[in-house]
């Protein structure tokens, strides 16, 4: 109860955590960790056609070896990897794509997945 006889406002279980996060974000000593690698990582969005990894590496076709590979996202659950030079096509889940996209050796992983799907 407050001094005026009214019940005290109910406190959210997250109020303390939210206040701490706000205070930390204002603290000049708290810095966000830098992105590893040479280039800044830029996330891809589903409405775009992707021709580079998030580390700005050109995607190379595992079949013809040309840097003409691109990824398309027909919906939120799948990704299509296609080559505009040859007839290479590979479908995968969006989760598989994001695991590969976030790795430093995306072209090797695409090549390995393509070999796996051939058998």
PDB file of N, CA and C in Angstrom:
ATOM      1  N   UNK A   1       0.836  -1.182   0.000  1.00  0.00           N
ATOM      2  CA  UNK A   1       0.000   0.000   0.000  1.00  0.00           C
ATOM      3  C   UNK A   1       0.879   1.243   0.000  1.00  0.00           C
ATOM      4  N   UNK A   2       0.428   2.237  -0.730  1.00  0.00           N
ATOM      5  CA  UNK A   2       1.121   3.517  -0.732  1.00  0.00           C
ATOM      6  C   UNK A   2       0.635   4.336   0.453  1.00  0.00           C
ATOM      7  N   UNK A   3       1.242   5.508   0.638  1.00  0.00           N
ATOM      8  CA  UNK A   3       0.875   6.358   1.773  1.00  0.00           C
ATOM      9  C   UNK A   3      -0.538   6.911   1.659  1.00  0.00           C
ATOM     10  N   UNK A   4      -1.118   6.928   0.456  1.00  0.00           N
ATOM     11  CA  UNK A   4      -2.468   7.455   0.284  1.00  0.00           C
ATOM     12  C   UNK A   4      -3.520   6.356   0.354  1.00  0.00           C
ATOM     13  N   UNK A   5      -3.122   5.142   0.706  1.00  0.00           N
ATOM     14  CA  UNK A   5      -4.083   4.073   0.879  1.00  0.00           C
ATOM     15  C   UNK A   5      -4.386   3.292  -0.382  1.00  0.00           C
ATOM     16  N   UNK A   6      -3.712   3.614  -1.494  1.00  0.00           N
ATOM     17  CA  UNK A   6      -3.911   2.882  -2.739  1.00  0.00           C
ATOM     18  C   UNK A   6      -2.865   1.771  -2.831  1.00  0.00           C
ATOM     19  N   UNK A   7      -3.230   0.661  -3.487  1.00  0.00           N
ATOM     20  CA  UNK A   7      -2.235  -0.404  -3.642  1.00  0.00           C
ATOM     21  C   UNK A   7      -1.098   0.051  -4.569  1.00  0.00           C
ATOM     22  N   UNK A   8       0.093  -0.424  -4.272  1.00  0.00           N
ATOM     23  CA  UNK A   8       1.266  -0.069  -5.080  1.00  0.00           C
ATOM     24  C   UNK A   8       1.120  -0.697  -6.469  1.00  0.00           C
ATOM     25  N   UNK A   9       1.612  -0.005  -7.524  1.00  0.00           N
ATOM     26  CA  UNK A   9       1.507  -0.581  -8.870  1.00  0.00           C
ATOM     27  C   UNK A   9       2.288  -1.887  -8.941  1.00  0.00           C
ATOM     28  N   UNK A  10       1.713  -2.849  -9.676  1.00  0.00           N
ATOM     29  CA  UNK A  10       2.335  -4.161  -9.787  1.00  0.00           C
ATOM     30  C   UNK A  10       3.592  -4.067 -10.642  1.00  0.00           C
ATOM     31  N   UNK A  11       4.652  -4.693 -10.177  1.00  0.00           N
ATOM     32  CA  UNK A  11       5.932  -4.642 -10.850  1.00  0.00           C
ATOM     33  C   UNK A  11       6.083  -5.874 -11.741  1.00  0.00           C
ATOM     34  N   UNK A  12       6.467  -5.656 -12.973  1.00  0.00           N
ATOM     35  CA  UNK A  12       6.692  -6.759 -13.908  1.00  0.00           C
ATOM     36  C   UNK A  12       7.925  -7.533 -13.471  1.00  0.00           C
ATOM     37  N   UNK A  13       7.943  -8.816 -13.752  1.00  0.00           N
ATOM     38  CA  UNK A  13       9.109  -9.609 -13.398  1.00  0.00           C
ATOM     39  C   UNK A  13      10.332  -9.210 -14.236  1.00  0.00           C
ATOM     40  N   UNK A  14      10.106  -8.467 -15.334  1.00  0.00           N
ATOM     41  CA  UNK A  14      11.197  -8.051 -16.205  1.00  0.00           C
ATOM     42  C   UNK A  14      11.632  -6.601 -15.981  1.00  0.00           C
ATOM     43  N   UNK A  15      10.973  -5.892 -15.099  1.00  0.00           N
ATOM     44  CA  UNK A  15      11.261  -4.475 -14.896  1.00  0.00           C
ATOM     45  C   UNK A  15      12.718  -4.251 -14.511  1.00  0.00           C
ATOM     46  N   UNK A  16      13.248  -5.024 -13.590  1.00  0.00           N
ATOM     47  CA  UNK A  16      14.635  -4.840 -13.166  1.00  0.00           C
ATOM     48  C   UNK A  16      15.607  -5.127 -14.309  1.00  0.00           C
ATOM     49  N   UNK A  17      15.343  -6.175 -15.066  1.00  0.00           N
ATOM     50  CA  UNK A  17      16.219  -6.527 -16.187  1.00  0.00           C
ATOM     51  C   UNK A  17      16.177  -5.451 -17.266  1.00  0.00           C
ATOM     52  N   UNK A  18      14.995  -4.923 -17.540  1.00  0.00           N
ATOM     53  CA  UNK A  18      14.864  -3.871 -18.547  1.00  0.00           C
ATOM     54  C   UNK A  18      15.612  -2.615 -18.113  1.00  0.00           C
ATOM     55  N   UNK A  19      15.501  -2.251 -16.835  1.00  0.00           N
ATOM     56  CA  UNK A  19      16.194  -1.071 -16.323  1.00  0.00           C
ATOM     57  C   UNK A  19      17.712  -1.263 -16.410  1.00  0.00           C
ATOM     58  N   UNK A  20      18.183  -2.461 -16.079  1.00  0.00           N
ATOM     59  CA  UNK A  20      19.615  -2.753 -16.155  1.00  0.00           C
ATOM     60  C   UNK A  20      20.099  -2.657 -17.592  1.00  0.00           C
ATOM     61  N   UNK A  21      19.334  -3.204 -18.532  1.00  0.00           N
ATOM     62  CA  UNK A  21      19.720  -3.160 -19.943  1.00  0.00           C
ATOM     63  C   UNK A  21      19.775  -1.716 -20.444  1.00  0.00           C
ATOM     64  N   UNK A  22      18.821  -0.909 -20.031  1.00  0.00           N
ATOM     65  CA  UNK A  22      18.830   0.492 -20.450  1.00  0.00           C
ATOM     66  C   UNK A  22      20.035   1.228 -19.875  1.00  0.00           C
ATOM     67  N   UNK A  23      20.360   0.941 -18.631  1.00  0.00           N
ATOM     68  CA  UNK A  23      21.511   1.588 -18.014  1.00  0.00           C
ATOM     69  C   UNK A  23      22.814   1.152 -18.675  1.00  0.00           C
ATOM     70  N   UNK A  24      22.915  -0.136 -19.012  1.00  0.00           N
ATOM     71  CA  UNK A  24      24.123  -0.622 -19.665  1.00  0.00           C
ATOM     72  C   UNK A  24      24.287  -0.030 -21.055  1.00  0.00           C
ATOM     73  N   UNK A  25      23.164   0.155 -21.766  1.00  0.00           N
ATOM     74  CA  UNK A  25      23.261   0.702 -23.120  1.00  0.00           C
ATOM     75  C   UNK A  25      23.743   2.154 -23.092  1.00  0.00           C
ATOM     76  N   UNK A  26      23.558   2.842 -21.976  1.00  0.00           N
ATOM     77  CA  UNK A  26      24.021   4.225 -21.843  1.00  0.00           C
ATOM     78  C   UNK A  26      25.462   4.296 -21.349  1.00  0.00           C
ATOM     79  N   UNK A  27      25.971   3.189 -20.819  1.00  0.00           N
ATOM     80  CA  UNK A  27      27.313   3.157 -20.256  1.00  0.00           C
ATOM     81  C   UNK A  27      28.350   3.155 -21.384  1.00  0.00           C
ATOM     82  N   UNK A  28      29.233   4.148 -21.443  1.00  0.00           N
ATOM     83  CA  UNK A  28      30.231   4.193 -22.518  1.00  0.00           C
ATOM     84  C   UNK A  28      31.247   3.060 -22.424  1.00  0.00           C
ATOM     85  N   UNK A  29      31.348   2.403 -21.270  1.00  0.00           N
ATOM     86  CA  UNK A  29      32.282   1.289 -21.113  1.00  0.00           C
ATOM     87  C   UNK A  29      31.777  -0.009 -21.713  1.00  0.00           C
ATOM     88  N   UNK A  30      30.477  -0.085 -21.995  1.00  0.00           N
ATOM     89  CA  UNK A  30      29.899  -1.297 -22.567  1.00  0.00           C
ATOM     90  C   UNK A  30      29.880  -1.140 -24.076  1.00  0.00           C
ATOM     91  N   UNK A  31      30.589  -2.014 -24.751  1.00  0.00           N
ATOM     92  CA  UNK A  31      30.674  -1.940 -26.207  1.00  0.00           C
ATOM     93  C   UNK A  31      30.148  -3.239 -26.816  1.00  0.00           C
ATOM     94  N   UNK A  32      29.558  -3.126 -27.996  1.00  0.00           N
ATOM     95  CA  UNK A  32      29.111  -4.326 -28.690  1.00  0.00           C
ATOM     96  C   UNK A  32      30.335  -4.976 -29.317  1.00  0.00           C
ATOM     97  N   UNK A  33      30.365  -6.315 -29.348  1.00  0.00           N
ATOM     98  CA  UNK A  33      31.541  -6.992 -29.899  1.00  0.00           C
ATOM     99  C   UNK A  33      31.666  -6.745 -31.396  1.00  0.00           C
ATOM    100  N   UNK A  34      32.892  -6.584 -31.903  1.00  0.00           N
ATOM    101  CA  UNK A  34      33.081  -6.364 -33.342  1.00  0.00           C
ATOM    102  C   UNK A  34      32.810  -7.651 -34.118  1.00  0.00           C
ATOM    103  N   UNK A  35      32.453  -7.503 -35.371  1.00  0.00           N
ATOM    104  CA  UNK A  35      32.220  -8.651 -36.249  1.00  0.00           C
ATOM    105  C   UNK A  35      33.575  -9.138 -36.717  1.00  0.00           C
ATOM    106  N   UNK A  36      33.807 -10.463 -36.619  1.00  0.00           N
ATOM    107  CA  UNK A  36      35.086 -10.993 -37.048  1.00  0.00           C
ATOM    108  C   UNK A  36      35.166 -10.986 -38.571  1.00  0.00           C
ATOM    109  N   UNK A  37      36.361 -10.943 -39.092  1.00  0.00           N
ATOM    110  CA  UNK A  37      36.545 -10.927 -40.542  1.00  0.00           C
ATOM    111  C   UNK A  37      36.886  -9.530 -41.023  1.00  0.00           C
ATOM    112  N   UNK A  38      37.137  -9.438 -42.316  1.00  0.00           N
ATOM    113  CA  UNK A  38      37.558  -8.168 -42.895  1.00  0.00           C
ATOM    114  C   UNK A  38      36.390  -7.225 -43.136  1.00  0.00           C
ATOM    115  N   UNK A  39      35.314  -7.756 -43.684  1.00  0.00           N
ATOM    116  CA  UNK A  39      34.180  -6.900 -44.042  1.00  0.00           C
ATOM    117  C   UNK A  39      33.081  -7.006 -42.995  1.00  0.00           C
ATOM    118  N   UNK A  40      32.282  -5.994 -42.926  1.00  0.00           N
ATOM    119  CA  UNK A  40      31.157  -5.986 -42.003  1.00  0.00           C
ATOM    120  C   UNK A  40      30.085  -6.951 -42.494  1.00  0.00           C
ATOM    121  N   UNK A  41      29.542  -7.752 -41.597  1.00  0.00           N
ATOM    122  CA  UNK A  41      28.507  -8.714 -41.962  1.00  0.00           C
ATOM    123  C   UNK A  41      27.191  -7.978 -42.196  1.00  0.00           C
ATOM    124  N   UNK A  42      26.575  -8.244 -43.328  1.00  0.00           N
ATOM    125  CA  UNK A  42      25.307  -7.621 -43.678  1.00  0.00           C
ATOM    126  C   UNK A  42      24.287  -8.735 -43.855  1.00  0.00           C
ATOM    127  N   UNK A  43      23.240  -8.772 -43.034  1.00  0.00           N
ATOM    128  CA  UNK A  43      22.273  -9.858 -43.155  1.00  0.00           C
ATOM    129  C   UNK A  43      21.483  -9.767 -44.457  1.00  0.00           C
ATOM    130  N   UNK A  44      21.070 -10.929 -44.958  1.00  0.00           N
ATOM    131  CA  UNK A  44      20.259 -10.974 -46.164  1.00  0.00           C
ATOM    132  C   UNK A  44      18.796 -11.077 -45.785  1.00  0.00           C
ATOM    133  N   UNK A  45      17.976 -10.488 -46.601  1.00  0.00           N
ATOM    134  CA  UNK A  45      16.545 -10.521 -46.366  1.00  0.00           C
ATOM    135  C   UNK A  45      15.884 -11.345 -47.447  1.00  0.00           C
ATOM    136  N   UNK A  46      14.757 -11.950 -47.112  1.00  0.00           N
ATOM    137  CA  UNK A  46      14.122 -12.898 -48.005  1.00  0.00           C
ATOM    138  C   UNK A  46      13.676 -12.301 -49.330  1.00  0.00           C
ATOM    139  N   UNK A  47      13.364 -11.043 -49.405  1.00  0.00           N
ATOM    140  CA  UNK A  47      12.853 -10.481 -50.644  1.00  0.00           C
ATOM    141  C   UNK A  47      13.965 -10.184 -51.645  1.00  0.00           C
ATOM    142  N   UNK A  48      15.213 -10.406 -51.276  1.00  0.00           N
ATOM    143  CA  UNK A  48      16.334 -10.128 -52.159  1.00  0.00           C
ATOM    144  C   UNK A  48      16.868 -11.413 -52.773  1.00  0.00           C
ATOM    145  N   UNK A  49      17.525 -11.254 -53.905  1.00  0.00           N
ATOM    146  CA  UNK A  49      18.284 -12.342 -54.498  1.00  0.00           C
ATOM    147  C   UNK A  49      19.711 -12.183 -53.993  1.00  0.00           C
ATOM    148  N   UNK A  50      20.284 -13.229 -53.460  1.00  0.00           N
ATOM    149  CA  UNK A  50      21.589 -13.155 -52.812  1.00  0.00           C
ATOM    150  C   UNK A  50      22.666 -13.691 -53.748  1.00  0.00           C
ATOM    151  N   UNK A  51      23.712 -12.908 -53.980  1.00  0.00           N
ATOM    152  CA  UNK A  51      24.825 -13.340 -54.824  1.00  0.00           C
ATOM    153  C   UNK A  51      26.144 -13.380 -54.066  1.00  0.00           C
ATOM    154  N   UNK A  52      26.133 -12.902 -52.821  1.00  0.00           N
ATOM    155  CA  UNK A  52      27.334 -12.933 -51.984  1.00  0.00           C
ATOM    156  C   UNK A  52      26.968 -13.438 -50.593  1.00  0.00           C
ATOM    157  N   UNK A  53      27.984 -13.916 -49.874  1.00  0.00           N
ATOM    158  CA  UNK A  53      27.765 -14.321 -48.495  1.00  0.00           C
ATOM    159  C   UNK A  53      27.658 -13.069 -47.636  1.00  0.00           C
ATOM    160  N   UNK A  54      27.325 -13.239 -46.362  1.00  0.00           N
ATOM    161  CA  UNK A  54      27.240 -12.066 -45.488  1.00  0.00           C
ATOM    162  C   UNK A  54      28.610 -11.433 -45.277  1.00  0.00           C
ATOM    163  N   UNK A  55      29.656 -12.151 -45.608  1.00  0.00           N
ATOM    164  CA  UNK A  55      31.013 -11.596 -45.529  1.00  0.00           C
ATOM    165  C   UNK A  55      31.458 -11.053 -46.889  1.00  0.00           C
ATOM    166  N   UNK A  56      30.508 -10.868 -47.793  1.00  0.00           N
ATOM    167  CA  UNK A  56      30.723 -10.296 -49.128  1.00  0.00           C
ATOM    168  C   UNK A  56      31.596 -11.159 -50.036  1.00  0.00           C
ATOM    169  N   UNK A  57      31.591 -12.496 -49.847  1.00  0.00           N
ATOM    170  CA  UNK A  57      32.287 -13.403 -50.756  1.00  0.00           C
ATOM    171  C   UNK A  57      31.324 -13.747 -51.890  1.00  0.00           C
ATOM    172  N   UNK A  58      31.806 -13.724 -53.139  1.00  0.00           N
ATOM    173  CA  UNK A  58      30.975 -14.122 -54.271  1.00  0.00           C
ATOM    174  C   UNK A  58      30.653 -15.612 -54.143  1.00  0.00           C
ATOM    175  N   UNK A  59      29.411 -15.981 -54.437  1.00  0.00           N
ATOM    176  CA  UNK A  59      29.013 -17.384 -54.395  1.00  0.00           C
ATOM    177  C   UNK A  59      29.442 -18.059 -55.694  1.00  0.00           C
ATOM    178  N   UNK A  60      30.171 -19.168 -55.588  1.00  0.00           N
ATOM    179  CA  UNK A  60      30.733 -19.870 -56.730  1.00  0.00           C
ATOM    180  C   UNK A  60      29.957 -21.164 -56.953  1.00  0.00           C
ATOM    181  N   UNK A  61      29.598 -21.419 -58.206  1.00  0.00           N
ATOM    182  CA  UNK A  61      28.851 -22.623 -58.558  1.00  0.00           C
ATOM    183  C   UNK A  61      29.739 -23.857 -58.375  1.00  0.00           C
ATOM    184  N   UNK A  62      29.252 -24.886 -57.678  1.00  0.00           N
ATOM    185  CA  UNK A  62      30.057 -26.090 -57.492  1.00  0.00           C
ATOM    186  C   UNK A  62      30.136 -26.938 -58.767  1.00  0.00           C
ATOM    187  N   UNK A  63      29.261 -26.688 -59.733  1.00  0.00           N
ATOM    188  CA  UNK A  63      29.239 -27.484 -60.955  1.00  0.00           C
ATOM    189  C   UNK A  63      30.158 -26.893 -62.033  1.00  0.00           C
ATOM    190  N   UNK A  64      30.036 -25.600 -62.319  1.00  0.00           N
ATOM    191  CA  UNK A  64      30.835 -25.002 -63.397  1.00  0.00           C
ATOM    192  C   UNK A  64      31.998 -24.153 -62.883  1.00  0.00           C
ATOM    193  N   UNK A  65      32.009 -23.800 -61.603  1.00  0.00           N
ATOM    194  CA  UNK A  65      33.102 -23.030 -61.026  1.00  0.00           C
ATOM    195  C   UNK A  65      33.030 -21.533 -61.266  1.00  0.00           C
ATOM    196  N   UNK A  66      31.959 -21.055 -61.879  1.00  0.00           N
ATOM    197  CA  UNK A  66      31.808 -19.628 -62.152  1.00  0.00           C
ATOM    198  C   UNK A  66      31.185 -18.917 -60.936  1.00  0.00           C
ATOM    199  N   UNK A  67      31.500 -17.646 -60.715  1.00  0.00           N
ATOM    200  CA  UNK A  67      30.913 -16.903 -59.593  1.00  0.00           C
ATOM    201  C   UNK A  67      29.526 -16.345 -59.950  1.00  0.00           C
ATOM    202  N   UNK A  68      28.679 -17.204 -60.511  1.00  0.00           N
ATOM    203  CA  UNK A  68      27.349 -16.783 -60.962  1.00  0.00           C
ATOM    204  C   UNK A  68      26.236 -17.460 -60.161  1.00  0.00           C
ATOM    205  N   UNK A  69      26.568 -17.947 -58.990  1.00  0.00           N
ATOM    206  CA  UNK A  69      25.583 -18.614 -58.142  1.00  0.00           C
ATOM    207  C   UNK A  69      24.784 -17.564 -57.380  1.00  0.00           C
ATOM    208  N   UNK A  70      23.506 -17.825 -57.196  1.00  0.00           N
ATOM    209  CA  UNK A  70      22.673 -16.919 -56.402  1.00  0.00           C
ATOM    210  C   UNK A  70      21.632 -17.729 -55.639  1.00  0.00           C
ATOM    211  N   UNK A  71      21.154 -17.155 -54.555  1.00  0.00           N
ATOM    212  CA  UNK A  71      20.137 -17.808 -53.727  1.00  0.00           C
ATOM    213  C   UNK A  71      18.854 -17.016 -53.821  1.00  0.00           C
ATOM    214  N   UNK A  72      17.740 -17.736 -53.901  1.00  0.00           N
ATOM    215  CA  UNK A  72      16.421 -17.121 -53.911  1.00  0.00           C
ATOM    216  C   UNK A  72      15.626 -17.713 -52.760  1.00  0.00           C
ATOM    217  N   UNK A  73      14.665 -16.954 -52.278  1.00  0.00           N
ATOM    218  CA  UNK A  73      13.861 -17.383 -51.146  1.00  0.00           C
ATOM    219  C   UNK A  73      12.383 -17.325 -51.533  1.00  0.00           C
ATOM    220  N   UNK A  74      11.811 -18.437 -52.044  1.00  0.00           N
ATOM    221  CA  UNK A  74      10.418 -18.418 -52.475  1.00  0.00           C
ATOM    222  C   UNK A  74       9.431 -18.241 -51.330  1.00  0.00           C
ATOM    223  N   UNK A  75       9.814 -18.681 -50.134  1.00  0.00           N
ATOM    224  CA  UNK A  75       8.989 -18.475 -48.946  1.00  0.00           C
ATOM    225  C   UNK A  75       9.893 -18.491 -47.723  1.00  0.00           C
ATOM    226  N   UNK A  76       9.309 -18.431 -46.540  1.00  0.00           N
ATOM    227  CA  UNK A  76      10.115 -18.333 -45.320  1.00  0.00           C
ATOM    228  C   UNK A  76      10.751 -19.656 -44.899  1.00  0.00           C
ATOM    229  N   UNK A  77      10.421 -20.756 -45.585  1.00  0.00           N
ATOM    230  CA  UNK A  77      10.908 -22.058 -45.159  1.00  0.00           C
ATOM    231  C   UNK A  77      11.999 -22.647 -46.035  1.00  0.00           C
ATOM    232  N   UNK A  78      12.157 -22.143 -47.255  1.00  0.00           N
ATOM    233  CA  UNK A  78      13.140 -22.758 -48.135  1.00  0.00           C
ATOM    234  C   UNK A  78      13.973 -21.732 -48.877  1.00  0.00           C
ATOM    235  N   UNK A  79      15.114 -22.211 -49.361  1.00  0.00           N
ATOM    236  CA  UNK A  79      16.025 -21.394 -50.156  1.00  0.00           C
ATOM    237  C   UNK A  79      16.405 -22.198 -51.386  1.00  0.00           C
ATOM    238  N   UNK A  80      16.503 -21.525 -52.523  1.00  0.00           N
ATOM    239  CA  UNK A  80      16.930 -22.159 -53.766  1.00  0.00           C
ATOM    240  C   UNK A  80      18.266 -21.561 -54.162  1.00  0.00           C
ATOM    241  N   UNK A  81      19.215 -22.421 -54.453  1.00  0.00           N
ATOM    242  CA  UNK A  81      20.523 -21.980 -54.912  1.00  0.00           C
ATOM    243  C   UNK A  81      20.609 -22.349 -56.390  1.00  0.00           C
ATOM    244  N   UNK A  82      20.810 -21.336 -57.246  1.00  0.00           N
ATOM    245  CA  UNK A  82      20.818 -21.540 -58.700  1.00  0.00           C
ATOM    246  C   UNK A  82      22.047 -20.907 -59.309  1.00  0.00           C
ATOM    247  N   UNK A  83      22.463 -21.463 -60.456  1.00  0.00           N
ATOM    248  CA  UNK A  83      23.558 -20.881 -61.220  1.00  0.00           C
ATOM    249  C   UNK A  83      22.992 -20.319 -62.521  1.00  0.00           C
ATOM    250  N   UNK A  84      23.395 -19.102 -62.876  1.00  0.00           N
ATOM    251  CA  UNK A  84      22.901 -18.511 -64.111  1.00  0.00           C
ATOM    252  C   UNK A  84      23.763 -18.897 -65.315  1.00  0.00           C
ATOM    253  N   UNK A  85      24.884 -19.606 -65.088  1.00  0.00           N
ATOM    254  CA  UNK A  85      25.737 -20.053 -66.197  1.00  0.00           C
ATOM    255  C   UNK A  85      25.433 -21.479 -66.649  1.00  0.00           C
ATOM    256  N   UNK A  86      25.073 -22.314 -65.733  1.00  0.00           N
ATOM    257  CA  UNK A  86      24.779 -23.710 -66.072  1.00  0.00           C
ATOM    258  C   UNK A  86      23.425 -24.078 -65.483  1.00  0.00           C
ATOM    259  N   UNK A  87      23.079 -25.336 -65.503  1.00  0.00           N
ATOM    260  CA  UNK A  87      21.754 -25.757 -65.039  1.00  0.00           C
ATOM    261  C   UNK A  87      21.731 -26.182 -63.571  1.00  0.00           C
ATOM    262  N   UNK A  88      22.722 -25.772 -62.792  1.00  0.00           N
ATOM    263  CA  UNK A  88      22.786 -26.189 -61.388  1.00  0.00           C
ATOM    264  C   UNK A  88      21.621 -25.597 -60.587  1.00  0.00           C
ATOM    265  N   UNK A  89      20.991 -26.445 -59.796  1.00  0.00           N
ATOM    266  CA  UNK A  89      19.904 -26.034 -58.905  1.00  0.00           C
ATOM    267  C   UNK A  89      19.973 -26.904 -57.659  1.00  0.00           C
ATOM    268  N   UNK A  90      19.806 -26.289 -56.509  1.00  0.00           N
ATOM    269  CA  UNK A  90      19.770 -27.045 -55.260  1.00  0.00           C
ATOM    270  C   UNK A  90      18.788 -26.356 -54.318  1.00  0.00           C
ATOM    271  N   UNK A  91      17.865 -27.111 -53.794  1.00  0.00           N
ATOM    272  CA  UNK A  91      16.923 -26.596 -52.810  1.00  0.00           C
ATOM    273  C   UNK A  91      17.333 -27.029 -51.423  1.00  0.00           C
ATOM    274  N   UNK A  92      17.052 -26.184 -50.444  1.00  0.00           N
ATOM    275  CA  UNK A  92      17.382 -26.519 -49.057  1.00  0.00           C
ATOM    276  C   UNK A  92      16.457 -25.735 -48.136  1.00  0.00           C
ATOM    277  N   UNK A  93      16.476 -26.105 -46.881  1.00  0.00           N
ATOM    278  CA  UNK A  93      15.659 -25.372 -45.910  1.00  0.00           C
ATOM    279  C   UNK A  93      16.318 -24.024 -45.630  1.00  0.00           C
ATOM    280  N   UNK A  94      15.522 -23.098 -45.193  1.00  0.00           N
ATOM    281  CA  UNK A  94      16.036 -21.778 -44.849  1.00  0.00           C
ATOM    282  C   UNK A  94      17.033 -21.882 -43.691  1.00  0.00           C
ATOM    283  N   UNK A  95      16.788 -22.815 -42.773  1.00  0.00           N
ATOM    284  CA  UNK A  95      17.726 -23.020 -41.662  1.00  0.00           C
ATOM    285  C   UNK A  95      19.083 -23.491 -42.170  1.00  0.00           C
ATOM    286  N   UNK A  96      19.083 -24.436 -43.130  1.00  0.00           N
ATOM    287  CA  UNK A  96      20.349 -24.905 -43.710  1.00  0.00           C
ATOM    288  C   UNK A  96      21.090 -23.755 -44.375  1.00  0.00           C
ATOM    289  N   UNK A  97      20.348 -22.917 -45.113  1.00  0.00           N
ATOM    290  CA  UNK A  97      20.976 -21.778 -45.784  1.00  0.00           C
ATOM    291  C   UNK A  97      21.629 -20.842 -44.775  1.00  0.00           C
ATOM    292  N   UNK A  98      20.925 -20.521 -43.702  1.00  0.00           N
ATOM    293  CA  UNK A  98      21.479 -19.581 -42.729  1.00  0.00           C
ATOM    294  C   UNK A  98      22.683 -20.158 -42.001  1.00  0.00           C
ATOM    295  N   UNK A  99      22.688 -21.477 -41.767  1.00  0.00           N
ATOM    296  CA  UNK A  99      23.878 -22.091 -41.168  1.00  0.00           C
ATOM    297  C   UNK A  99      25.072 -21.945 -42.106  1.00  0.00           C
ATOM    298  N   UNK A 100      24.859 -22.184 -43.401  1.00  0.00           N
ATOM    299  CA  UNK A 100      25.950 -22.049 -44.372  1.00  0.00           C
ATOM    300  C   UNK A 100      26.351 -20.592 -44.556  1.00  0.00           C
ATOM    301  N   UNK A 101      25.365 -19.712 -44.659  1.00  0.00           N
ATOM    302  CA  UNK A 101      25.613 -18.298 -44.915  1.00  0.00           C
ATOM    303  C   UNK A 101      26.454 -17.665 -43.807  1.00  0.00           C
ATOM    304  N   UNK A 102      26.275 -18.120 -42.596  1.00  0.00           N
ATOM    305  CA  UNK A 102      26.989 -17.551 -41.460  1.00  0.00           C
ATOM    306  C   UNK A 102      28.355 -18.185 -41.228  1.00  0.00           C
ATOM    307  N   UNK A 103      28.740 -19.138 -42.063  1.00  0.00           N
ATOM    308  CA  UNK A 103      30.038 -19.780 -41.887  1.00  0.00           C
ATOM    309  C   UNK A 103      31.074 -19.091 -42.782  1.00  0.00           C
ATOM    310  N   UNK A 104      32.342 -19.143 -42.390  1.00  0.00           N
ATOM    311  CA  UNK A 104      33.370 -18.469 -43.175  1.00  0.00           C
ATOM    312  C   UNK A 104      33.679 -19.144 -44.513  1.00  0.00           C
ATOM    313  N   UNK A 105      33.300 -20.396 -44.683  1.00  0.00           N
ATOM    314  CA  UNK A 105      33.618 -21.124 -45.914  1.00  0.00           C
ATOM    315  C   UNK A 105      32.333 -21.591 -46.608  1.00  0.00           C
ATOM    316  N   UNK A 106      31.511 -20.650 -47.011  1.00  0.00           N
ATOM    317  CA  UNK A 106      30.204 -20.952 -47.585  1.00  0.00           C
ATOM    318  C   UNK A 106      30.308 -21.725 -48.901  1.00  0.00           C
ATOM    319  N   UNK A 107      31.265 -21.378 -49.770  1.00  0.00           N
ATOM    320  CA  UNK A 107      31.376 -22.060 -51.057  1.00  0.00           C
ATOM    321  C   UNK A 107      31.743 -23.529 -50.892  1.00  0.00           C
ATOM    322  N   UNK A 108      32.596 -23.838 -49.928  1.00  0.00           N
ATOM    323  CA  UNK A 108      32.952 -25.230 -49.665  1.00  0.00           C
ATOM    324  C   UNK A 108      31.744 -26.001 -49.122  1.00  0.00           C
ATOM    325  N   UNK A 109      30.948 -25.354 -48.292  1.00  0.00           N
ATOM    326  CA  UNK A 109      29.763 -26.015 -47.739  1.00  0.00           C
ATOM    327  C   UNK A 109      28.707 -26.252 -48.815  1.00  0.00           C
ATOM    328  N   UNK A 110      28.554 -25.306 -49.737  1.00  0.00           N
ATOM    329  CA  UNK A 110      27.612 -25.500 -50.846  1.00  0.00           C
ATOM    330  C   UNK A 110      28.062 -26.675 -51.703  1.00  0.00           C
ATOM    331  N   UNK A 111      29.367 -26.730 -51.983  1.00  0.00           N
ATOM    332  CA  UNK A 111      29.913 -27.824 -52.790  1.00  0.00           C
ATOM    333  C   UNK A 111      29.693 -29.170 -52.096  1.00  0.00           C
ATOM    334  N   UNK A 112      29.925 -29.222 -50.802  1.00  0.00           N
ATOM    335  CA  UNK A 112      29.755 -30.460 -50.040  1.00  0.00           C
ATOM    336  C   UNK A 112      28.278 -30.893 -50.028  1.00  0.00           C
ATOM    337  N   UNK A 113      27.369 -29.925 -49.861  1.00  0.00           N
ATOM    338  CA  UNK A 113      25.945 -30.256 -49.850  1.00  0.00           C
ATOM    339  C   UNK A 113      25.488 -30.728 -51.231  1.00  0.00           C
ATOM    340  N   UNK A 114      26.017 -30.136 -52.287  1.00  0.00           N
ATOM    341  CA  UNK A 114      25.661 -30.542 -53.653  1.00  0.00           C
ATOM    342  C   UNK A 114      26.111 -31.982 -53.907  1.00  0.00           C
ATOM    343  N   UNK A 115      27.317 -32.344 -53.486  1.00  0.00           N
ATOM    344  CA  UNK A 115      27.790 -33.721 -53.649  1.00  0.00           C
ATOM    345  C   UNK A 115      26.929 -34.688 -52.855  1.00  0.00           C
ATOM    346  N   UNK A 116      26.536 -34.274 -51.661  1.00  0.00           N
ATOM    347  CA  UNK A 116      25.709 -35.119 -50.805  1.00  0.00           C
ATOM    348  C   UNK A 116      24.344 -35.371 -51.450  1.00  0.00           C
ATOM    349  N   UNK A 117      23.763 -34.335 -52.099  1.00  0.00           N
ATOM    350  CA  UNK A 117      22.457 -34.481 -52.719  1.00  0.00           C
ATOM    351  C   UNK A 117      22.506 -35.294 -54.016  1.00  0.00           C
ATOM    352  N   UNK A 118      23.709 -35.358 -54.660  1.00  0.00           N
ATOM    353  CA  UNK A 118      23.851 -36.156 -55.889  1.00  0.00           C
ATOM    354  C   UNK A 118      23.709 -37.650 -55.612  1.00  0.00           C
ATOM    355  N   UNK A 119      24.177 -38.078 -54.464  1.00  0.00           N
ATOM    356  CA  UNK A 119      24.147 -39.509 -54.153  1.00  0.00           C
ATOM    357  C   UNK A 119      22.847 -39.975 -53.605  1.00  0.00           C
TER     358      UNK A 119
END
